[in-house]
Amino acid sequence: MPTSFSDSTSEVRSRLRDLARSFHHRDYSLFFSGQLISLIGTWMQQTAQSWLVYRLTSSSLNLGLVGFAGQFPVFLLAIFGGVLADRLNRRSVIIGTQAASMIQAALLAWLTLAGHVQVWEIVALAAALGVVNAVDIPTRQAFVVELVGKEDLHNAIALNSSMFNSARILGPSVAGVLLAAVGEGWCFAINAISYLAVIYCLLRMGGPARKTIAVTGSMGDRLREGFVYAWRTREVRTILGLLAVSSVIGMSYVVLMPVFAEEILHSGPRGLGALMAATGCGSLMGALVLASRQESRGIGRFAYFGVLCFGGTLILFALSSSFWLSVALLVPVGFCMIVSMAAANTMLQTICPDELRGRVMALYSMMFMGMAPFGALYAGGMAHLFGAPMTVAVGGATVVVVLGLFGRRLLTI
């Protein structure tokens, strides 16, 4: 028994070392710390912004409009951000985008605290932040490999996913308390201040800066080069195609969560919070499991079975009329979703050459996040015609069918 206990303790310690090995890179530790603080602020702002719009207008249409304004620029402009990420020093670009995001949050805080904010101003500022994110997201994705190298890349990407989902749980919770106590404006102000943490950590990084790459040709040539590479590289084309289908058809279930909470499960706002928290907890667990892997070899299997189980559990969720069963089913939905998305990110960054990394990650951002507005339109229209359960069930089935037809190549990566 003592030997068995000692062996199990050693195994746990080994797992923990594997889980945290990217933190051995000082610059990554700085990056992670600053991003975690900033992301909590970002989720606070998103929660407060939605509450503010609904408080001002009592209109779900305006909520959708603000969401569309913030996400559509990522789809439209991310590839241009990818070109910049491939041509310029990525750390400098991120410092610039974080400073611009801080200004956006400060303007929103000033307008709100002054008491005369209007919906069109919120829409305009959301669109401005979307433009900044179109540059920031692919640059941050491509920057990670400079911090940890390819040998720890899959671990760092999974840790980034765990950071994102931790912030997704903490940020709205803090925002809820502040909304009741001091209102939306202070949530925006705190978010503006949180960007200082990222900028400070980026400035403290001591690793060798990536040199600016001297390139020839126009912006159009650089864009064409990225698209041609993605199309002609079969693995990249397959991954991006599955991401697009999963984003538009599968992950659009999130849009319909209020419908499930109110009309299907009869659980109200508290039920909605529990459903969203279940997805976040599952996502966090999935990210940690992926981070504990010792190597990236065989990561394609994680992506394949992650997408397969994601579609299957979505179907089961759509068929459930029990609140607690639905909560339980959303845990594997979140788990499988984040495993497949993080695995896809790792595969793309492993496959692509460094000189194209920014553009490939821009295409990843376009498929994963930029397609979200179209997914919202799809979910809303389908649910209006056929109901929310049918929409989610069809979405899950479509993901599984598309994976079966085109996704088997993932098993070889």
Protein backbone atom coordinates (compact mmCIF):
# COMPACT_ATOMS: atom_id res chain seq x y z
CA MET A 1 0.00 0.00 0.00
CA PRO A 2 2.72 2.60 0.84
CA THR A 3 4.42 1.89 -2.49
CA SER A 4 1.15 2.25 -4.35
CA PHE A 5 0.42 5.54 -2.58
CA SER A 6 3.92 6.82 -3.39
CA ASP A 7 3.54 5.86 -7.04
CA SER A 8 0.18 7.58 -7.31
CA THR A 9 1.60 10.72 -5.65
CA SER A 10 4.50 10.77 -8.09
CA GLU A 11 2.09 10.37 -10.98
CA VAL A 12 -0.01 13.30 -9.76
CA ARG A 13 3.10 15.45 -9.44
CA SER A 14 4.19 14.46 -12.93
CA ARG A 15 0.77 15.37 -14.29
CA LEU A 16 0.90 18.75 -12.57
CA ARG A 17 4.37 19.40 -14.01
CA ASP A 18 3.07 18.53 -17.48
CA LEU A 19 0.06 20.77 -16.95
CA ALA A 20 2.13 23.80 -15.97
CA ARG A 21 5.25 23.37 -18.08
CA SER A 22 4.59 26.45 -20.24
CA PHE A 23 4.96 28.52 -17.05
CA HIS A 24 8.64 27.59 -17.04
CA HIS A 25 8.94 30.15 -19.83
CA ARG A 26 9.11 33.50 -18.02
CA ASP A 27 7.63 35.50 -20.88
CA TYR A 28 4.66 33.14 -21.16
CA SER A 29 4.01 33.47 -17.40
CA LEU A 30 3.93 37.24 -17.80
CA PHE A 31 1.65 36.97 -20.83
CA PHE A 32 -0.73 34.59 -19.03
CA SER A 33 -0.94 36.77 -15.90
CA GLY A 34 -1.70 39.98 -17.80
CA GLN A 35 -4.20 38.31 -20.11
CA LEU A 36 -6.09 36.68 -17.24
CA ILE A 37 -6.62 40.03 -15.50
CA SER A 38 -7.65 41.69 -18.76
CA LEU A 39 -10.02 38.89 -19.81
CA ILE A 40 -11.87 39.08 -16.50
CA GLY A 41 -12.37 42.77 -17.25
CA THR A 42 -13.45 42.00 -20.81
CA TRP A 43 -16.16 39.59 -19.62
CA MET A 44 -17.26 42.18 -17.07
CA GLN A 45 -17.65 44.70 -19.88
CA GLN A 46 -19.55 42.28 -22.14
CA THR A 47 -21.98 41.42 -19.34
CA ALA A 48 -22.49 45.05 -18.33
CA GLN A 49 -22.83 46.16 -21.96
CA SER A 50 -25.63 43.66 -22.62
CA TRP A 51 -27.39 44.71 -19.42
CA LEU A 52 -27.04 48.39 -20.33
CA VAL A 53 -28.50 47.91 -23.83
CA TYR A 54 -31.42 45.90 -22.52
CA ARG A 55 -32.03 48.40 -19.70
CA LEU A 56 -32.10 51.28 -22.17
CA THR A 57 -34.22 49.65 -24.89
CA SER A 58 -35.85 46.43 -23.58
CA SER A 59 -35.12 45.12 -27.08
CA SER A 60 -33.56 41.77 -27.95
CA LEU A 61 -33.07 43.12 -31.48
CA ASN A 62 -30.74 45.81 -30.15
CA LEU A 63 -28.85 43.19 -28.16
CA GLY A 64 -28.33 41.27 -31.39
CA LEU A 65 -27.29 44.43 -33.22
CA VAL A 66 -24.60 45.25 -30.66
CA GLY A 67 -23.35 41.66 -30.76
CA PHE A 68 -23.23 41.69 -34.55
CA ALA A 69 -21.39 45.02 -34.61
CA GLY A 70 -18.73 43.66 -32.28
CA GLN A 71 -18.16 40.35 -34.07
CA PHE A 72 -18.62 41.03 -37.77
CA PRO A 73 -15.38 43.06 -38.15
CA VAL A 74 -13.42 39.97 -37.07
CA PHE A 75 -14.88 38.03 -39.99
CA LEU A 76 -14.38 40.90 -42.41
CA LEU A 77 -10.94 42.18 -41.40
CA ALA A 78 -9.06 39.46 -39.48
CA ILE A 79 -7.12 38.38 -42.56
CA PHE A 80 -5.69 41.93 -42.82
CA GLY A 81 -4.72 41.64 -39.16
CA GLY A 82 -2.99 38.38 -40.02
CA VAL A 83 -0.91 40.12 -42.68
CA LEU A 84 0.20 42.70 -40.12
CA ALA A 85 1.04 39.90 -37.66
CA ASP A 86 3.30 38.33 -40.28
CA ARG A 87 5.02 41.59 -41.25
CA LEU A 88 5.46 43.46 -37.95
CA ASN A 89 6.81 42.75 -34.50
CA ARG A 90 3.93 40.90 -32.84
CA ARG A 91 4.57 42.10 -29.31
CA SER A 92 4.51 45.71 -30.48
CA VAL A 93 1.26 45.11 -32.37
CA ILE A 94 -0.37 43.60 -29.26
CA ILE A 95 0.73 46.54 -27.12
CA GLY A 96 -0.94 48.84 -29.66
CA THR A 97 -4.19 46.85 -29.79
CA GLN A 98 -4.39 46.64 -25.99
CA ALA A 99 -3.92 50.41 -25.72
CA ALA A 100 -6.68 50.96 -28.30
CA SER A 101 -9.00 48.58 -26.41
CA MET A 102 -8.29 50.49 -23.20
CA ILE A 103 -9.30 53.75 -24.88
CA GLN A 104 -12.53 52.14 -26.13
CA ALA A 105 -13.44 50.92 -22.63
CA ALA A 106 -12.58 54.32 -21.12
CA LEU A 107 -14.83 56.12 -23.63
CA LEU A 108 -17.69 53.73 -22.87
CA ALA A 109 -17.17 54.27 -19.13
CA TRP A 110 -17.12 58.07 -19.53
CA LEU A 111 -20.31 58.15 -21.61
CA THR A 112 -22.12 55.84 -19.19
CA LEU A 113 -21.00 57.53 -15.99
CA ALA A 114 -21.91 60.91 -17.51
CA GLY A 115 -25.47 59.61 -17.82
CA HIS A 116 -26.12 60.37 -21.51
CA VAL A 117 -24.97 57.21 -23.32
CA GLN A 118 -27.10 56.24 -26.31
CA VAL A 119 -27.50 52.93 -28.10
CA TRP A 120 -25.91 54.17 -31.34
CA GLU A 121 -22.80 55.12 -29.36
CA ILE A 122 -22.64 51.64 -27.85
CA VAL A 123 -22.99 50.09 -31.33
CA ALA A 124 -20.27 52.36 -32.73
CA LEU A 125 -17.88 51.58 -29.88
CA ALA A 126 -18.61 47.84 -30.17
CA ALA A 127 -17.77 48.02 -33.89
CA ALA A 128 -14.57 49.93 -33.13
CA LEU A 129 -13.53 47.23 -30.66
CA GLY A 130 -14.34 44.61 -33.30
CA VAL A 131 -11.90 46.30 -35.69
CA VAL A 132 -9.21 46.29 -32.99
CA ASN A 133 -9.90 42.61 -32.27
CA ALA A 134 -9.53 41.78 -35.96
CA VAL A 135 -5.86 42.70 -35.56
CA ASP A 136 -5.39 41.62 -31.95
CA ILE A 137 -6.79 38.07 -32.07
CA PRO A 138 -4.67 36.59 -34.89
CA THR A 139 -1.59 38.41 -33.59
CA ARG A 140 -2.03 37.03 -30.06
CA GLN A 141 -2.63 33.53 -31.43
CA ALA A 142 0.54 33.69 -33.53
CA PHE A 143 2.55 35.27 -30.69
CA VAL A 144 2.24 32.26 -28.38
CA VAL A 145 4.74 30.14 -30.31
CA GLU A 146 7.37 32.86 -29.80
CA LEU A 147 6.92 32.52 -26.05
CA VAL A 148 7.11 28.73 -25.63
CA GLY A 149 8.37 27.21 -28.89
CA LYS A 150 6.67 24.42 -30.80
CA GLU A 151 7.52 21.75 -28.21
CA ASP A 152 5.21 23.30 -25.60
CA LEU A 153 2.79 24.95 -28.01
CA HIS A 154 -0.13 22.58 -27.43
CA ASN A 155 0.23 23.04 -23.65
CA ALA A 156 0.26 26.85 -23.95
CA ILE A 157 -2.79 26.88 -26.24
CA ALA A 158 -4.70 24.66 -23.81
CA LEU A 159 -3.68 26.86 -20.87
CA ASN A 160 -4.88 29.89 -22.82
CA SER A 161 -8.24 28.15 -23.25
CA SER A 162 -8.39 27.44 -19.51
CA MET A 163 -7.59 31.12 -18.84
CA PHE A 164 -10.36 32.23 -21.21
CA ASN A 165 -12.94 29.98 -19.60
CA SER A 166 -11.88 30.87 -16.06
CA ALA A 167 -12.41 34.52 -16.97
CA ARG A 168 -15.76 33.61 -18.54
CA ILE A 169 -16.88 32.24 -15.18
CA LEU A 170 -15.36 34.96 -12.97
CA GLY A 171 -16.01 38.06 -15.08
CA PRO A 172 -19.83 37.87 -15.29
CA SER A 173 -20.02 36.93 -11.60
CA VAL A 174 -18.08 40.03 -10.56
CA ALA A 175 -20.06 42.14 -13.04
CA GLY A 176 -23.34 40.96 -11.52
CA VAL A 177 -22.30 42.20 -8.09
CA LEU A 178 -21.03 45.54 -9.43
CA LEU A 179 -24.11 46.10 -11.61
CA ALA A 180 -26.33 45.85 -8.54
CA ALA A 181 -24.02 48.01 -6.41
CA VAL A 182 -22.64 50.79 -8.64
CA GLY A 183 -23.95 50.31 -12.20
CA GLU A 184 -22.53 49.58 -15.65
CA GLY A 185 -20.12 52.49 -15.93
CA TRP A 186 -17.77 51.25 -13.23
CA CYS A 187 -17.59 47.83 -14.92
CA PHE A 188 -16.37 49.58 -18.08
CA ALA A 189 -13.91 51.67 -16.06
CA ILE A 190 -12.44 48.62 -14.32
CA ASN A 191 -12.04 46.91 -17.70
CA ALA A 192 -10.14 49.94 -19.00
CA ILE A 193 -7.79 49.78 -16.02
CA SER A 194 -7.30 46.01 -16.48
CA TYR A 195 -5.57 46.59 -19.84
CA LEU A 196 -2.70 48.22 -17.96
CA ALA A 197 -1.82 44.77 -16.59
CA VAL A 198 -1.37 43.35 -20.11
CA ILE A 199 0.67 46.30 -21.33
CA TYR A 200 2.87 46.19 -18.23
CA CYS A 201 3.53 42.45 -18.64
CA LEU A 202 4.28 42.81 -22.35
CA LEU A 203 6.78 45.60 -21.65
CA ARG A 204 8.51 43.45 -19.01
CA MET A 205 9.16 40.55 -21.38
CA GLY A 206 12.88 39.98 -21.76
CA GLY A 207 12.98 37.41 -24.56
CA PRO A 208 14.43 38.24 -27.96
CA ALA A 209 11.94 40.25 -29.99
CA ARG A 210 10.87 38.81 -33.31
CA LYS A 211 12.37 40.86 -36.08
CA THR A 212 10.21 42.63 -38.59
CA ILE A 213 10.10 40.57 -41.78
CA ALA A 214 11.04 42.40 -44.94
CA VAL A 215 8.55 41.43 -47.61
CA THR A 216 7.86 42.44 -51.16
CA GLY A 217 4.54 42.76 -52.91
CA SER A 218 1.29 44.47 -52.09
CA MET A 219 -1.24 43.77 -49.37
CA GLY A 220 -3.28 41.94 -52.00
CA ASP A 221 -0.34 39.65 -52.74
CA ARG A 222 0.06 38.83 -49.05
CA LEU A 223 -3.67 38.11 -48.70
CA ARG A 224 -3.65 35.91 -51.78
CA GLU A 225 -0.64 33.99 -50.49
CA GLY A 226 -2.47 33.17 -47.25
CA PHE A 227 -5.67 32.05 -48.97
CA VAL A 228 -3.79 29.95 -51.54
CA TYR A 229 -1.75 28.21 -48.83
CA ALA A 230 -4.87 27.39 -46.79
CA TRP A 231 -6.76 26.07 -49.81
CA ARG A 232 -3.92 23.98 -51.24
CA THR A 233 -2.89 22.45 -47.91
CA ARG A 234 -5.46 19.72 -47.45
CA GLU A 235 -5.10 19.40 -43.68
CA VAL A 236 -5.51 23.16 -43.18
CA ARG A 237 -8.50 23.25 -45.51
CA THR A 238 -10.16 20.38 -43.64
CA ILE A 239 -9.63 21.92 -40.21
CA LEU A 240 -10.91 25.35 -41.26
CA GLY A 241 -13.96 23.83 -42.97
CA LEU A 242 -14.92 21.83 -39.88
CA LEU A 243 -14.41 24.92 -37.72
CA ALA A 244 -16.77 26.92 -39.94
CA VAL A 245 -19.50 24.26 -39.76
CA SER A 246 -19.09 23.81 -36.01
CA SER A 247 -19.18 27.57 -35.43
CA VAL A 248 -22.21 28.39 -37.56
CA ILE A 249 -24.32 25.26 -37.12
CA GLY A 250 -23.13 23.79 -33.83
CA MET A 251 -22.04 26.55 -31.46
CA SER A 252 -25.00 28.74 -32.32
CA TYR A 253 -26.85 26.80 -29.58
CA VAL A 254 -25.53 29.44 -27.13
CA VAL A 255 -27.82 32.04 -28.72
CA LEU A 256 -30.85 29.93 -27.82
CA MET A 257 -29.96 29.36 -24.15
CA PRO A 258 -32.46 31.98 -22.91
CA VAL A 259 -35.21 30.18 -24.87
CA PHE A 260 -34.31 26.84 -23.30
CA ALA A 261 -34.13 28.36 -19.82
CA GLU A 262 -37.47 30.17 -20.07
CA GLU A 263 -39.68 28.10 -22.39
CA ILE A 264 -38.30 24.55 -22.37
CA LEU A 265 -36.89 24.08 -18.88
CA HIS A 266 -38.97 26.77 -17.09
CA SER A 267 -36.03 27.80 -14.91
CA GLY A 268 -35.84 31.57 -15.50
CA PRO A 269 -32.74 33.78 -15.21
CA ARG A 270 -31.13 31.66 -12.47
CA GLY A 271 -31.52 28.61 -14.66
CA LEU A 272 -29.88 30.46 -17.53
CA GLY A 273 -26.92 31.25 -15.27
CA ALA A 274 -26.61 27.59 -14.28
CA LEU A 275 -26.75 26.43 -17.91
CA MET A 276 -24.04 28.88 -18.98
CA ALA A 277 -21.90 28.03 -15.94
CA ALA A 278 -22.15 24.31 -16.79
CA THR A 279 -20.78 25.00 -20.28
CA GLY A 280 -17.98 27.11 -18.82
CA CYS A 281 -17.01 24.44 -16.28
CA GLY A 282 -16.93 21.77 -18.97
CA SER A 283 -14.78 23.99 -21.18
CA LEU A 284 -12.35 24.63 -18.34
CA MET A 285 -12.02 20.90 -17.62
CA GLY A 286 -11.45 20.17 -21.31
CA ALA A 287 -8.70 22.78 -21.53
CA LEU A 288 -6.94 21.37 -18.46
CA VAL A 289 -7.11 17.80 -19.79
CA LEU A 290 -5.59 18.93 -23.08
CA ALA A 291 -2.90 20.94 -21.28
CA SER A 292 -1.82 17.83 -19.31
CA ARG A 293 -0.82 15.98 -22.49
CA GLN A 294 2.93 15.49 -22.75
CA GLU A 295 3.14 15.98 -26.53
CA SER A 296 1.11 17.24 -29.47
CA ARG A 297 1.45 14.04 -31.51
CA GLY A 298 -1.97 12.48 -32.07
CA ILE A 299 -3.76 15.77 -31.37
CA GLY A 300 -5.92 15.18 -34.46
CA ARG A 301 -7.70 12.36 -32.66
CA PHE A 302 -8.67 14.76 -29.90
CA ALA A 303 -10.10 17.13 -32.49
CA TYR A 304 -11.99 14.34 -34.30
CA PHE A 305 -13.57 12.73 -31.25
CA GLY A 306 -14.12 16.13 -29.65
CA VAL A 307 -16.25 17.25 -32.60
CA LEU A 308 -18.02 13.88 -32.70
CA CYS A 309 -18.98 13.98 -29.01
CA PHE A 310 -19.84 17.68 -29.23
CA GLY A 311 -22.45 16.97 -31.90
CA GLY A 312 -23.77 13.90 -30.08
CA THR A 313 -24.21 15.61 -26.70
CA LEU A 314 -25.89 18.58 -28.40
CA ILE A 315 -28.53 16.19 -29.77
CA LEU A 316 -29.09 14.72 -26.29
CA PHE A 317 -29.36 18.21 -24.79
CA ALA A 318 -31.95 19.20 -27.39
CA LEU A 319 -34.07 16.17 -26.46
CA SER A 320 -33.95 16.82 -22.70
CA SER A 321 -36.86 18.44 -20.88
CA SER A 322 -35.31 18.01 -17.41
CA PHE A 323 -33.45 21.01 -16.05
CA TRP A 324 -30.76 19.15 -14.13
CA LEU A 325 -30.22 16.64 -16.93
CA SER A 326 -29.77 19.57 -19.30
CA VAL A 327 -27.24 21.16 -16.94
CA ALA A 328 -25.36 17.85 -16.74
CA LEU A 329 -25.32 17.45 -20.53
CA LEU A 330 -23.90 20.93 -21.08
CA VAL A 331 -20.76 19.97 -19.15
CA PRO A 332 -19.60 17.49 -21.87
CA VAL A 333 -20.84 19.93 -24.53
CA GLY A 334 -18.43 22.56 -23.19
CA PHE A 335 -15.70 19.97 -22.62
CA CYS A 336 -15.83 18.61 -26.17
CA MET A 337 -16.18 22.05 -27.74
CA ILE A 338 -13.02 23.44 -26.16
CA VAL A 339 -11.03 20.24 -26.76
CA SER A 340 -11.84 20.30 -30.48
CA MET A 341 -11.20 24.06 -30.85
CA ALA A 342 -7.90 24.04 -28.92
CA ALA A 343 -6.75 20.93 -30.78
CA ALA A 344 -7.57 22.60 -34.11
CA ASN A 345 -5.55 25.65 -33.07
CA THR A 346 -2.57 23.44 -32.15
CA MET A 347 -2.71 21.52 -35.43
CA LEU A 348 -2.84 24.67 -37.54
CA GLN A 349 0.11 26.26 -35.72
CA THR A 350 2.11 23.03 -35.97
CA ILE A 351 1.46 22.65 -39.69
CA CYS A 352 1.93 26.20 -40.96
CA PRO A 353 5.31 27.92 -41.50
CA ASP A 354 6.11 30.89 -39.28
CA GLU A 355 6.01 33.40 -42.14
CA LEU A 356 2.35 32.47 -42.73
CA ARG A 357 1.34 31.94 -39.10
CA GLY A 358 -0.46 35.26 -38.67
CA ARG A 359 -2.59 34.77 -41.77
CA VAL A 360 -3.45 31.16 -40.93
CA MET A 361 -4.46 32.17 -37.41
CA ALA A 362 -6.49 35.00 -38.92
CA LEU A 363 -8.41 32.40 -40.95
CA TYR A 364 -8.84 30.38 -37.73
CA SER A 365 -10.26 33.48 -36.03
CA MET A 366 -12.58 34.13 -38.97
CA MET A 367 -13.95 30.58 -38.88
CA PHE A 368 -14.14 30.27 -35.09
CA MET A 369 -15.26 33.76 -34.00
CA GLY A 370 -16.03 35.72 -37.15
CA MET A 371 -18.72 33.27 -38.22
CA ALA A 372 -20.60 33.72 -34.93
CA PRO A 373 -22.90 36.51 -36.27
CA PHE A 374 -24.05 34.22 -39.07
CA GLY A 375 -24.60 31.44 -36.56
CA ALA A 376 -26.79 33.77 -34.52
CA LEU A 377 -28.89 34.59 -37.58
CA TYR A 378 -29.16 30.90 -38.47
CA ALA A 379 -30.19 29.91 -34.93
CA GLY A 380 -32.74 32.69 -34.61
CA GLY A 381 -34.35 31.99 -37.98
CA MET A 382 -34.46 28.22 -37.56
CA ALA A 383 -35.80 28.46 -34.01
CA HIS A 384 -38.53 30.84 -35.19
CA LEU A 385 -39.64 28.32 -37.82
CA PHE A 386 -39.06 24.97 -36.10
CA GLY A 387 -38.40 25.67 -32.42
CA ALA A 388 -35.20 25.77 -30.36
CA PRO A 389 -34.92 22.00 -29.62
CA MET A 390 -35.22 21.04 -33.29
CA THR A 391 -32.67 23.71 -34.26
CA VAL A 392 -30.08 22.47 -31.78
CA ALA A 393 -30.71 18.80 -32.63
CA VAL A 394 -30.32 19.45 -36.37
CA GLY A 395 -27.16 21.45 -35.67
CA GLY A 396 -25.61 18.61 -33.67
CA ALA A 397 -26.56 16.03 -36.32
CA THR A 398 -25.14 18.22 -39.10
CA VAL A 399 -21.81 18.53 -37.29
CA VAL A 400 -21.59 14.74 -36.91
CA VAL A 401 -22.48 14.10 -40.57
CA VAL A 402 -19.99 16.66 -41.91
CA LEU A 403 -17.28 15.22 -39.65
CA GLY A 404 -18.00 11.73 -40.98
CA LEU A 405 -17.81 12.90 -44.59
CA PHE A 406 -14.74 15.14 -44.43
CA GLY A 407 -13.02 14.79 -41.07
CA ARG A 408 -11.30 11.41 -41.12
CA ARG A 409 -8.03 12.99 -42.21
CA LEU A 410 -7.79 14.46 -38.70
CA LEU A 411 -7.10 10.94 -37.36
CA THR A 412 -3.75 10.92 -39.18
CA ILE A 413 -2.43 14.21 -37.75
